[in-house]
């Protein structure tokens, strides 16, 4: 109120908030339009203050019911994914001031468990510091990885996975470890092609690298014979089929080896 010309008057002070409302609408469209599930958490109380539509779909709860559940109610606490563990991760991200990632197991409204990849970061939202959790369901990817590992380690053929450019050994299966006599992947990687081959007979890393690069570039499988030197010093002949494969989204070269001694 104000006195104008001796009389009490009520004033209305107006501001143009068109631009602010436009930005809010754009934020809501982006927030609810992205495929990743996002949760905004108060850094002090560790309570969720907002989630997007994708997050609701992922856990199977409406917003109000989801907020009632809280972090603990949405997590597989019997598997160790507790509220205390979540709060520790949130505080670590806030203290570090930089994004960090982890895996988490959620329990949905139907009782199913989902493995999610969590990227925790900070953001200024509405002028306030918030913890923001960006989540992606990787349950299917984890299942495929387990199946791949089961097949990879169950076959009788010795398999080694190489980087197509560097010819670095990235992984080997159980049969390969048994063939060369080394249990440690780190040791096998340290030895490389030279350390596992009869180099004095011409089976060198350079020669192996050339074959791997050629197969990687032309995409055509190739079969060669190779001379392996085992940990015991014994030398064996192997038939090696070199081929390309996509593993976890990355191009790789596989060598499938059979002892033909």
Protein backbone atom coordinates (compact mmCIF):
# COMPACT_ATOMS: atom_id res chain seq x y z
CA UNK A 1 0.00 0.00 0.00
CA UNK A 2 1.05 3.63 -0.46
CA UNK A 3 -0.43 7.09 0.23
CA UNK A 4 -0.96 8.97 -3.01
CA UNK A 5 -2.37 12.51 -2.95
CA UNK A 6 -3.33 11.95 0.66
CA UNK A 7 -5.23 8.75 -0.02
CA UNK A 8 -4.29 5.16 0.71
CA UNK A 9 -3.82 3.19 -2.45
CA UNK A 10 -2.85 -0.43 -3.28
CA UNK A 11 -0.01 -0.71 -5.75
CA UNK A 12 0.75 -3.77 -7.90
CA UNK A 13 4.35 -4.08 -9.06
CA UNK A 14 4.69 -6.29 -12.09
CA UNK A 15 7.73 -7.87 -13.70
CA UNK A 16 7.95 -9.51 -17.08
CA UNK A 17 8.84 -13.14 -16.31
CA UNK A 18 8.13 -14.39 -19.83
CA UNK A 19 11.77 -15.32 -20.45
CA UNK A 20 12.08 -17.10 -17.12
CA UNK A 21 8.91 -19.10 -17.75
CA UNK A 22 10.19 -20.00 -21.22
CA UNK A 23 13.45 -21.29 -19.75
CA UNK A 24 11.54 -23.31 -17.14
CA UNK A 25 9.41 -24.92 -19.85
CA UNK A 26 12.52 -25.76 -21.89
CA UNK A 27 14.19 -27.26 -18.82
CA UNK A 28 11.13 -29.43 -18.10
CA UNK A 29 10.97 -30.60 -21.72
CA UNK A 30 14.63 -31.60 -21.73
CA UNK A 31 14.45 -33.08 -18.21
CA UNK A 32 11.51 -35.31 -19.09
CA UNK A 33 12.53 -35.98 -22.67
CA UNK A 34 15.96 -37.55 -22.19
CA UNK A 35 16.31 -41.33 -22.20
CA UNK A 36 18.46 -41.43 -19.07
CA UNK A 37 16.68 -41.62 -15.72
CA UNK A 38 17.50 -38.54 -13.62
CA UNK A 39 16.98 -37.92 -9.92
CA UNK A 40 17.67 -34.61 -8.17
CA UNK A 41 18.64 -34.96 -4.52
CA UNK A 42 18.96 -32.42 -1.71
CA UNK A 43 22.62 -32.51 -0.58
CA UNK A 44 21.69 -31.84 3.04
CA UNK A 45 18.81 -34.26 3.61
CA UNK A 46 19.73 -36.78 0.89
CA UNK A 47 16.05 -36.83 -0.08
CA UNK A 48 14.87 -36.85 -3.69
CA UNK A 49 13.29 -33.54 -4.63
CA UNK A 50 12.63 -34.25 -8.30
CA UNK A 51 12.81 -37.08 -10.81
CA UNK A 52 12.09 -37.21 -14.51
CA UNK A 53 9.55 -39.35 -16.34
CA UNK A 54 12.19 -41.88 -17.36
CA UNK A 55 13.13 -42.50 -13.73
CA UNK A 56 9.48 -43.14 -12.83
CA UNK A 57 9.19 -45.60 -15.72
CA UNK A 58 12.40 -47.37 -14.71
CA UNK A 59 11.27 -48.08 -11.13
CA UNK A 60 7.55 -48.40 -11.90
CA UNK A 61 6.29 -45.83 -9.38
CA UNK A 62 4.31 -42.62 -9.73
CA UNK A 63 6.18 -39.57 -8.43
CA UNK A 64 4.42 -39.28 -5.06
CA UNK A 65 4.79 -43.00 -4.31
CA UNK A 66 8.39 -42.85 -5.47
CA UNK A 67 9.22 -40.02 -3.06
CA UNK A 68 7.56 -42.00 -0.25
CA UNK A 69 9.84 -44.95 -1.03
CA UNK A 70 12.99 -42.84 -0.94
CA UNK A 71 16.47 -44.16 -1.73
CA UNK A 72 16.19 -47.10 0.66
CA UNK A 73 12.79 -48.24 -0.60
CA UNK A 74 14.03 -48.25 -4.20
CA UNK A 75 17.27 -50.12 -3.53
CA UNK A 76 18.13 -53.79 -3.11
CA UNK A 77 19.17 -53.33 0.51
CA UNK A 78 19.48 -57.08 1.09
CA UNK A 79 22.25 -57.07 -1.52
CA UNK A 80 24.14 -54.31 0.30
CA UNK A 81 22.74 -51.32 -1.58
CA UNK A 82 21.72 -49.40 1.53
CA UNK A 83 20.84 -45.79 2.22
CA UNK A 84 24.10 -45.32 4.16
CA UNK A 85 26.08 -46.54 1.16
CA UNK A 86 24.15 -44.19 -1.15
CA UNK A 87 24.66 -41.22 1.17
CA UNK A 88 28.41 -41.91 1.34
CA UNK A 89 28.59 -41.90 -2.47
CA UNK A 90 26.56 -38.67 -2.68
CA UNK A 91 28.78 -36.95 -0.10
CA UNK A 92 31.93 -38.12 -1.92
CA UNK A 93 30.66 -36.55 -5.15
CA UNK A 94 29.76 -33.32 -3.37
CA UNK A 95 33.12 -33.14 -1.60
CA UNK A 96 35.08 -33.87 -4.77
CA UNK A 97 33.01 -31.46 -6.86
CA UNK A 98 33.31 -33.72 -9.87
CA UNK A 99 31.33 -36.52 -11.47
CA UNK A 100 31.80 -40.10 -10.31
CA UNK A 101 30.28 -43.36 -11.52
CA UNK A 102 29.20 -46.57 -9.84
CA UNK A 103 26.83 -49.48 -10.28
CA UNK A 104 23.68 -49.85 -8.21
CA UNK A 105 20.88 -52.39 -7.90
CA UNK A 106 17.34 -51.04 -7.78
CA UNK A 107 14.22 -52.89 -6.72
CA UNK A 108 11.22 -51.94 -8.84
CA UNK A 109 7.58 -51.75 -7.83
CA UNK A 110 7.10 -55.35 -9.06
CA UNK A 111 9.96 -56.65 -6.90
CA UNK A 112 12.30 -57.15 -9.85
CA UNK A 113 15.92 -56.08 -9.50
CA UNK A 114 17.63 -53.90 -12.09
CA UNK A 115 21.34 -53.15 -12.37
CA UNK A 116 21.93 -49.51 -13.19
CA UNK A 117 24.98 -47.49 -14.06
CA UNK A 118 24.99 -44.31 -11.97
CA UNK A 119 26.80 -41.09 -12.79
CA UNK A 120 26.64 -38.73 -9.84
CA UNK A 121 27.39 -35.05 -10.32
CA UNK A 122 26.46 -31.62 -8.95
CA UNK A 123 24.32 -28.92 -10.54
CA UNK A 124 22.93 -25.50 -9.73
CA UNK A 125 19.16 -25.79 -10.11
CA UNK A 126 16.93 -22.84 -9.30
CA UNK A 127 19.94 -21.14 -7.71
CA UNK A 128 20.56 -24.04 -5.29
CA UNK A 129 23.29 -26.66 -5.24
CA UNK A 130 21.89 -30.11 -5.93
CA UNK A 131 23.22 -33.62 -6.35
CA UNK A 132 22.12 -35.04 -9.69
CA UNK A 133 22.03 -38.78 -10.35
CA UNK A 134 22.00 -39.81 -14.03
CA UNK A 135 21.02 -43.47 -14.30
CA UNK A 136 21.04 -46.02 -17.09
CA UNK A 137 19.60 -49.54 -16.88
CA UNK A 138 22.40 -51.99 -17.77
CA UNK A 139 20.65 -55.18 -16.60
CA UNK A 140 20.54 -56.65 -20.11
CA UNK A 141 24.13 -55.66 -20.83
CA UNK A 142 25.29 -57.34 -17.61
CA UNK A 143 23.32 -60.47 -18.50
CA UNK A 144 24.91 -60.63 -21.96
CA UNK A 145 28.33 -60.11 -20.43
CA UNK A 146 27.80 -63.02 -18.03
CA UNK A 147 26.65 -65.24 -20.89
CA UNK A 148 29.65 -64.20 -22.98
CA UNK A 149 32.02 -65.01 -20.12
CA UNK A 150 30.40 -68.40 -19.57
CA UNK A 151 30.77 -69.31 -23.26
CA UNK A 152 34.22 -67.72 -23.49
CA UNK A 153 35.55 -69.81 -20.62
CA UNK A 154 33.67 -73.01 -21.43
CA UNK A 155 34.86 -73.72 -24.97
CA UNK A 156 37.77 -76.10 -25.51
CA UNK A 157 39.57 -73.83 -27.96
CA UNK A 158 42.10 -71.36 -26.58
CA UNK A 159 40.95 -67.80 -27.30
CA UNK A 160 42.87 -64.54 -26.97
CA UNK A 161 41.37 -61.09 -27.59
CA UNK A 162 43.65 -58.47 -29.14
CA UNK A 163 43.46 -54.74 -29.73
CA UNK A 164 43.29 -54.35 -33.52
CA UNK A 165 45.78 -51.47 -33.69
CA UNK A 166 48.34 -52.23 -30.99
CA UNK A 167 48.09 -56.05 -30.98
CA UNK A 168 47.92 -55.81 -27.18
CA UNK A 169 46.40 -58.84 -25.45
CA UNK A 170 43.18 -57.66 -23.79
CA UNK A 171 41.71 -60.92 -22.53
CA UNK A 172 42.17 -64.69 -22.70
CA UNK A 173 39.94 -67.58 -21.76
CA UNK A 174 40.55 -70.48 -19.39
CA UNK A 175 41.63 -72.82 -22.20
CA UNK A 176 44.27 -70.31 -23.31
CA UNK A 177 45.66 -70.03 -19.78
CA UNK A 178 45.86 -73.81 -19.58
CA UNK A 179 47.59 -73.99 -22.96
CA UNK A 180 50.36 -71.51 -22.15
CA UNK A 181 50.64 -72.52 -18.49
CA UNK A 182 50.07 -69.05 -17.00
CA UNK A 183 47.12 -68.34 -14.69
CA UNK A 184 47.54 -64.57 -14.43
CA UNK A 185 46.12 -62.38 -17.21
CA UNK A 186 48.44 -59.60 -16.09
CA UNK A 187 51.45 -61.89 -16.61
CA UNK A 188 50.20 -62.96 -20.03
CA UNK A 189 49.69 -59.31 -21.01
CA UNK A 190 53.16 -58.47 -19.71
CA UNK A 191 54.75 -61.23 -21.82
CA UNK A 192 52.80 -60.33 -24.95
CA UNK A 193 53.25 -62.16 -28.24
CA UNK A 194 57.06 -62.22 -27.97
CA UNK A 195 57.09 -63.70 -24.47
CA UNK A 196 54.64 -66.46 -25.42
CA UNK A 197 56.20 -67.42 -28.76
CA UNK A 198 59.31 -69.15 -30.13
CA UNK A 199 60.81 -65.90 -31.39
CA UNK A 200 64.13 -67.54 -32.34
CA UNK A 201 62.17 -69.62 -34.86
CA UNK A 202 60.67 -66.48 -36.44
CA UNK A 203 57.40 -66.33 -34.48
CA UNK A 204 57.88 -62.73 -33.35
CA UNK A 205 55.61 -59.98 -32.08
CA UNK A 206 56.26 -58.01 -35.27
CA UNK A 207 55.03 -60.92 -37.40
CA UNK A 208 51.99 -61.43 -35.16
CA UNK A 209 51.20 -57.71 -35.21
CA UNK A 210 51.26 -57.69 -39.03
CA UNK A 211 48.79 -60.57 -39.21
CA UNK A 212 46.46 -58.99 -36.65
CA UNK A 213 46.48 -55.62 -38.44
CA UNK A 214 45.90 -57.23 -41.83
CA UNK A 215 42.85 -59.15 -40.58
CA UNK A 216 41.56 -56.04 -38.81
CA UNK A 217 41.85 -53.94 -41.95
CA UNK A 218 40.44 -56.34 -44.53
CA UNK A 219 37.96 -58.12 -42.25
CA UNK A 220 38.85 -61.50 -43.74
CA UNK A 221 39.68 -64.38 -41.32
CA UNK A 222 43.09 -65.97 -41.71
CA UNK A 223 44.49 -69.29 -40.46
CA UNK A 224 48.17 -69.76 -39.68
CA UNK A 225 50.38 -72.16 -37.76
CA UNK A 226 52.30 -70.74 -34.81
CA UNK A 227 54.91 -71.94 -32.37
CA UNK A 228 54.02 -71.31 -28.70
CA UNK A 229 56.45 -71.48 -25.80
CA UNK A 230 54.73 -72.52 -22.59
CA UNK A 231 55.73 -71.43 -19.07
CA UNK A 232 57.52 -74.77 -18.63
CA UNK A 233 59.68 -74.07 -21.66
CA UNK A 234 57.93 -76.70 -23.76
CA UNK A 235 57.20 -75.62 -27.32
CA UNK A 236 53.98 -76.63 -29.05
CA UNK A 237 52.46 -76.12 -32.50
CA UNK A 238 49.08 -74.39 -32.66
CA UNK A 239 46.69 -73.75 -35.50
CA UNK A 240 45.46 -70.17 -35.14
CA UNK A 241 42.35 -68.73 -36.77
CA UNK A 242 42.39 -64.94 -36.64
CA UNK A 243 39.10 -63.10 -37.07
CA UNK A 244 37.38 -59.86 -36.12
CA UNK A 245 34.57 -59.41 -33.61
CA UNK A 246 32.71 -56.63 -31.86
CA UNK A 247 32.92 -57.05 -28.08
CA UNK A 248 31.07 -54.62 -25.78
CA UNK A 249 30.70 -52.26 -28.72
CA UNK A 250 34.42 -52.20 -29.61
CA UNK A 251 36.18 -53.72 -32.59
CA UNK A 252 38.51 -56.53 -31.53
CA UNK A 253 40.60 -59.29 -33.13
CA UNK A 254 40.16 -62.84 -31.84
CA UNK A 255 42.68 -65.63 -32.19
CA UNK A 256 41.20 -69.12 -31.79
CA UNK A 257 43.97 -71.63 -31.23
CA UNK A 258 44.17 -75.42 -31.24
CA UNK A 259 47.14 -77.52 -30.18
CA UNK A 260 48.19 -79.54 -33.27
CA UNK A 261 51.52 -80.75 -31.90
